[in-house]
């Protein structure tokens, strides 16, 4: 067998065809495949993040509805400015039921407290301490939101075993005009 130019050229063509096909066909396709895999992995990561966020969104929506329910339950405990007279009447009845003398109640100017209003009432009452304690317990059980920012209790000078209580009772309410 002779190796001439023809055979050498044929061998070179036989080696050049696979090398050329690798260089011009397979190598660019491998790059495209690698880029597609990277893009797929990026999209999978984004999908996982979206799934986590959507799962978190569900818990946030549940928490939001729960907070809204709590706010509405608290707001239902707030009287309107028209119902303040009823609350004052309830306080007076509680004092009478506890065996205390009719309290003197002086309403002060309402104060803005965040989204709601606060009506301070200066109350002065006399009676025995057990009755006063019973009054405070019943006051605490009222459906309305109240607070006692200041209180002074002293023995009564007039009657033995009696006490004099002066305190400010703040009642929170919704201002219908606002």
Protein backbone atom coordinates (compact mmCIF):
# COMPACT_ATOMS: atom_id res chain seq x y z
CA UNK A 1 0.00 0.00 0.00
CA UNK A 2 1.36 3.33 -0.99
CA UNK A 3 0.93 6.53 0.89
CA UNK A 4 0.75 9.29 -1.54
CA UNK A 5 -0.59 12.77 -1.47
CA UNK A 6 -4.04 11.50 -2.13
CA UNK A 7 -4.04 9.22 0.89
CA UNK A 8 -2.51 11.90 3.14
CA UNK A 9 -5.18 14.38 2.05
CA UNK A 10 -7.86 11.75 2.70
CA UNK A 11 -6.44 11.13 6.20
CA UNK A 12 -6.34 14.86 6.87
CA UNK A 13 -9.95 15.22 5.69
CA UNK A 14 -10.95 12.26 7.88
CA UNK A 15 -9.36 13.93 10.93
CA UNK A 16 -10.54 17.42 9.98
CA UNK A 17 -14.25 16.50 9.65
CA UNK A 18 -14.69 15.40 13.31
CA UNK A 19 -12.51 18.27 14.56
CA UNK A 20 -14.44 20.80 12.48
CA UNK A 21 -17.79 19.32 13.55
CA UNK A 22 -16.70 19.52 17.22
CA UNK A 23 -15.42 23.07 16.83
CA UNK A 24 -18.30 24.46 14.78
CA UNK A 25 -21.29 22.32 15.89
CA UNK A 26 -20.86 20.55 19.23
CA UNK A 27 -18.90 23.22 21.06
CA UNK A 28 -21.48 26.03 20.44
CA UNK A 29 -24.29 23.62 21.34
CA UNK A 30 -22.50 22.69 24.57
CA UNK A 31 -22.29 26.41 25.42
CA UNK A 32 -26.01 26.83 24.70
CA UNK A 33 -26.84 23.78 26.81
CA UNK A 34 -24.72 25.12 29.69
CA UNK A 35 -26.41 28.53 29.50
CA UNK A 36 -29.83 26.86 29.44
CA UNK A 37 -28.92 24.81 32.53
CA UNK A 38 -27.77 27.96 34.34
CA UNK A 39 -31.00 29.73 33.39
CA UNK A 40 -33.03 26.74 34.56
CA UNK A 41 -31.22 26.70 37.91
CA UNK A 42 -31.79 30.47 38.31
CA UNK A 43 -35.48 30.06 37.52
CA UNK A 44 -35.76 27.16 39.98
CA UNK A 45 -34.21 29.35 42.68
CA UNK A 46 -36.67 32.13 41.85
CA UNK A 47 -39.53 29.65 41.91
CA UNK A 48 -38.47 28.39 45.34
CA UNK A 49 -38.27 31.96 46.61
CA UNK A 50 -41.72 32.69 45.18
CA UNK A 51 -43.12 29.57 46.81
CA UNK A 52 -41.63 30.61 50.16
CA UNK A 53 -43.00 34.14 49.77
CA UNK A 54 -46.44 32.88 48.79
CA UNK A 55 -46.45 30.54 51.80
CA UNK A 56 -45.41 33.47 53.97
CA UNK A 57 -48.08 35.62 52.33
CA UNK A 58 -50.70 33.13 53.44
CA UNK A 59 -49.51 33.37 57.03
CA UNK A 60 -49.36 37.17 56.75
CA UNK A 61 -52.92 37.28 55.46
CA UNK A 62 -54.03 35.09 58.35
CA UNK A 63 -52.19 37.31 60.80
CA UNK A 64 -53.70 40.42 59.20
CA UNK A 65 -57.22 39.07 59.51
CA UNK A 66 -56.53 38.06 63.10
CA UNK A 67 -55.24 41.55 63.91
CA UNK A 68 -58.26 43.12 62.19
CA UNK A 69 -60.57 40.95 64.30
CA UNK A 70 -58.75 42.00 67.47
CA UNK A 71 -58.98 45.67 66.50
CA UNK A 72 -62.70 45.37 65.81
CA UNK A 73 -63.24 43.62 69.15
CA UNK A 74 -61.38 46.41 70.94
CA UNK A 75 -63.27 49.07 69.01
CA UNK A 76 -66.55 47.43 69.99
CA UNK A 77 -65.56 48.09 73.61
CA UNK A 78 -65.15 51.80 72.88
CA UNK A 79 -68.33 53.81 73.39
CA UNK A 80 -69.22 56.68 71.12
CA UNK A 81 -69.35 60.17 72.54
CA UNK A 82 -73.16 59.76 72.72
CA UNK A 83 -72.77 56.70 74.96
CA UNK A 84 -70.47 58.41 77.48
CA UNK A 85 -73.45 59.40 79.63
CA UNK A 86 -74.39 55.71 79.91
CA UNK A 87 -70.87 54.85 81.07
CA UNK A 88 -71.01 57.60 83.71
CA UNK A 89 -74.39 56.25 84.86
CA UNK A 90 -72.90 52.72 85.08
CA UNK A 91 -70.03 54.02 87.23
CA UNK A 92 -72.49 55.75 89.55
CA UNK A 93 -74.56 52.55 89.84
CA UNK A 94 -71.42 50.50 90.58
CA UNK A 95 -70.54 52.87 93.42
CA UNK A 96 -74.06 52.64 94.86
CA UNK A 97 -74.07 48.83 94.55
CA UNK A 98 -70.74 48.67 96.39
CA UNK A 99 -72.24 50.57 99.34
CA UNK A 100 -70.44 53.83 98.67
CA UNK A 101 -72.03 57.26 98.81
CA UNK A 102 -73.11 58.85 95.56
CA UNK A 103 -69.83 59.90 93.88
CA UNK A 104 -69.25 63.40 92.62
CA UNK A 105 -68.18 63.19 88.99
CA UNK A 106 -66.71 66.13 87.09
CA UNK A 107 -66.01 65.66 83.38
CA UNK A 108 -62.91 67.36 82.08
CA UNK A 109 -62.07 68.30 78.51
CA UNK A 110 -61.62 65.23 76.23
CA UNK A 111 -58.05 64.51 75.14
CA UNK A 112 -56.94 63.06 71.82
CA UNK A 113 -55.26 59.66 72.35
CA UNK A 114 -53.87 58.21 69.10
CA UNK A 115 -56.90 57.39 66.90
CA UNK A 116 -59.41 57.67 69.73
CA UNK A 117 -60.44 60.14 72.38
CA UNK A 118 -59.94 59.93 76.13
CA UNK A 119 -62.51 61.41 78.49
CA UNK A 120 -61.01 62.08 81.95
CA UNK A 121 -63.50 62.12 84.83
CA UNK A 122 -62.53 63.49 88.25
CA UNK A 123 -64.35 61.31 90.78
CA UNK A 124 -64.57 61.79 94.51
CA UNK A 125 -66.32 59.20 96.70
CA UNK A 126 -66.56 58.18 100.33
CA UNK A 127 -67.37 54.89 101.99
CA UNK A 128 -65.67 51.92 103.55
CA UNK A 129 -62.56 50.42 101.98
CA UNK A 130 -64.16 47.04 101.23
CA UNK A 131 -66.91 48.75 99.28
CA UNK A 132 -64.31 50.77 97.41
CA UNK A 133 -62.36 47.62 96.60
CA UNK A 134 -65.56 45.95 95.35
CA UNK A 135 -66.22 49.06 93.24
CA UNK A 136 -62.74 48.82 91.67
CA UNK A 137 -63.22 45.13 90.89
CA UNK A 138 -66.56 45.81 89.19
CA UNK A 139 -65.06 48.78 87.36
CA UNK A 140 -62.38 46.49 86.02
CA UNK A 141 -65.04 44.10 84.70
CA UNK A 142 -66.78 46.78 82.67
CA UNK A 143 -66.79 46.18 78.92
CA UNK A 144 -65.41 49.64 78.32
CA UNK A 145 -61.72 50.44 78.17
CA UNK A 146 -60.80 52.58 81.16
CA UNK A 147 -57.72 53.49 83.16
CA UNK A 148 -56.94 55.16 86.48
CA UNK A 149 -53.95 57.47 85.95
CA UNK A 150 -53.95 58.88 89.47
CA UNK A 151 -55.62 58.11 92.78
CA UNK A 152 -55.42 59.32 96.36
CA UNK A 153 -57.04 57.49 99.27
CA UNK A 154 -57.19 58.85 102.79
CA UNK A 155 -59.13 58.21 105.96
CA UNK A 156 -62.25 60.21 106.38
CA UNK A 157 -62.04 62.86 109.11
CA UNK A 158 -65.78 62.80 109.71
CA UNK A 159 -66.73 59.14 110.18
CA UNK A 160 -64.58 56.44 111.75
CA UNK A 161 -63.85 53.44 109.45
CA UNK A 162 -64.63 55.44 106.31
CA UNK A 163 -62.29 56.57 103.57
CA UNK A 164 -62.18 59.33 101.01
CA UNK A 165 -61.01 58.44 97.46
CA UNK A 166 -60.21 61.01 94.80
CA UNK A 167 -59.15 59.70 91.43
CA UNK A 168 -59.23 60.36 87.72
CA UNK A 169 -60.98 57.76 85.60
CA UNK A 170 -60.20 57.97 81.89
CA UNK A 171 -62.68 56.43 79.48
CA UNK A 172 -61.62 55.84 75.89
CA UNK A 173 -64.24 56.50 73.23
CA UNK A 174 -64.67 56.94 69.50
CA UNK A 175 -65.34 60.45 68.34
CA UNK A 176 -68.15 60.15 65.81
CA UNK A 177 -67.60 63.67 64.53
CA UNK A 178 -64.00 62.86 63.53
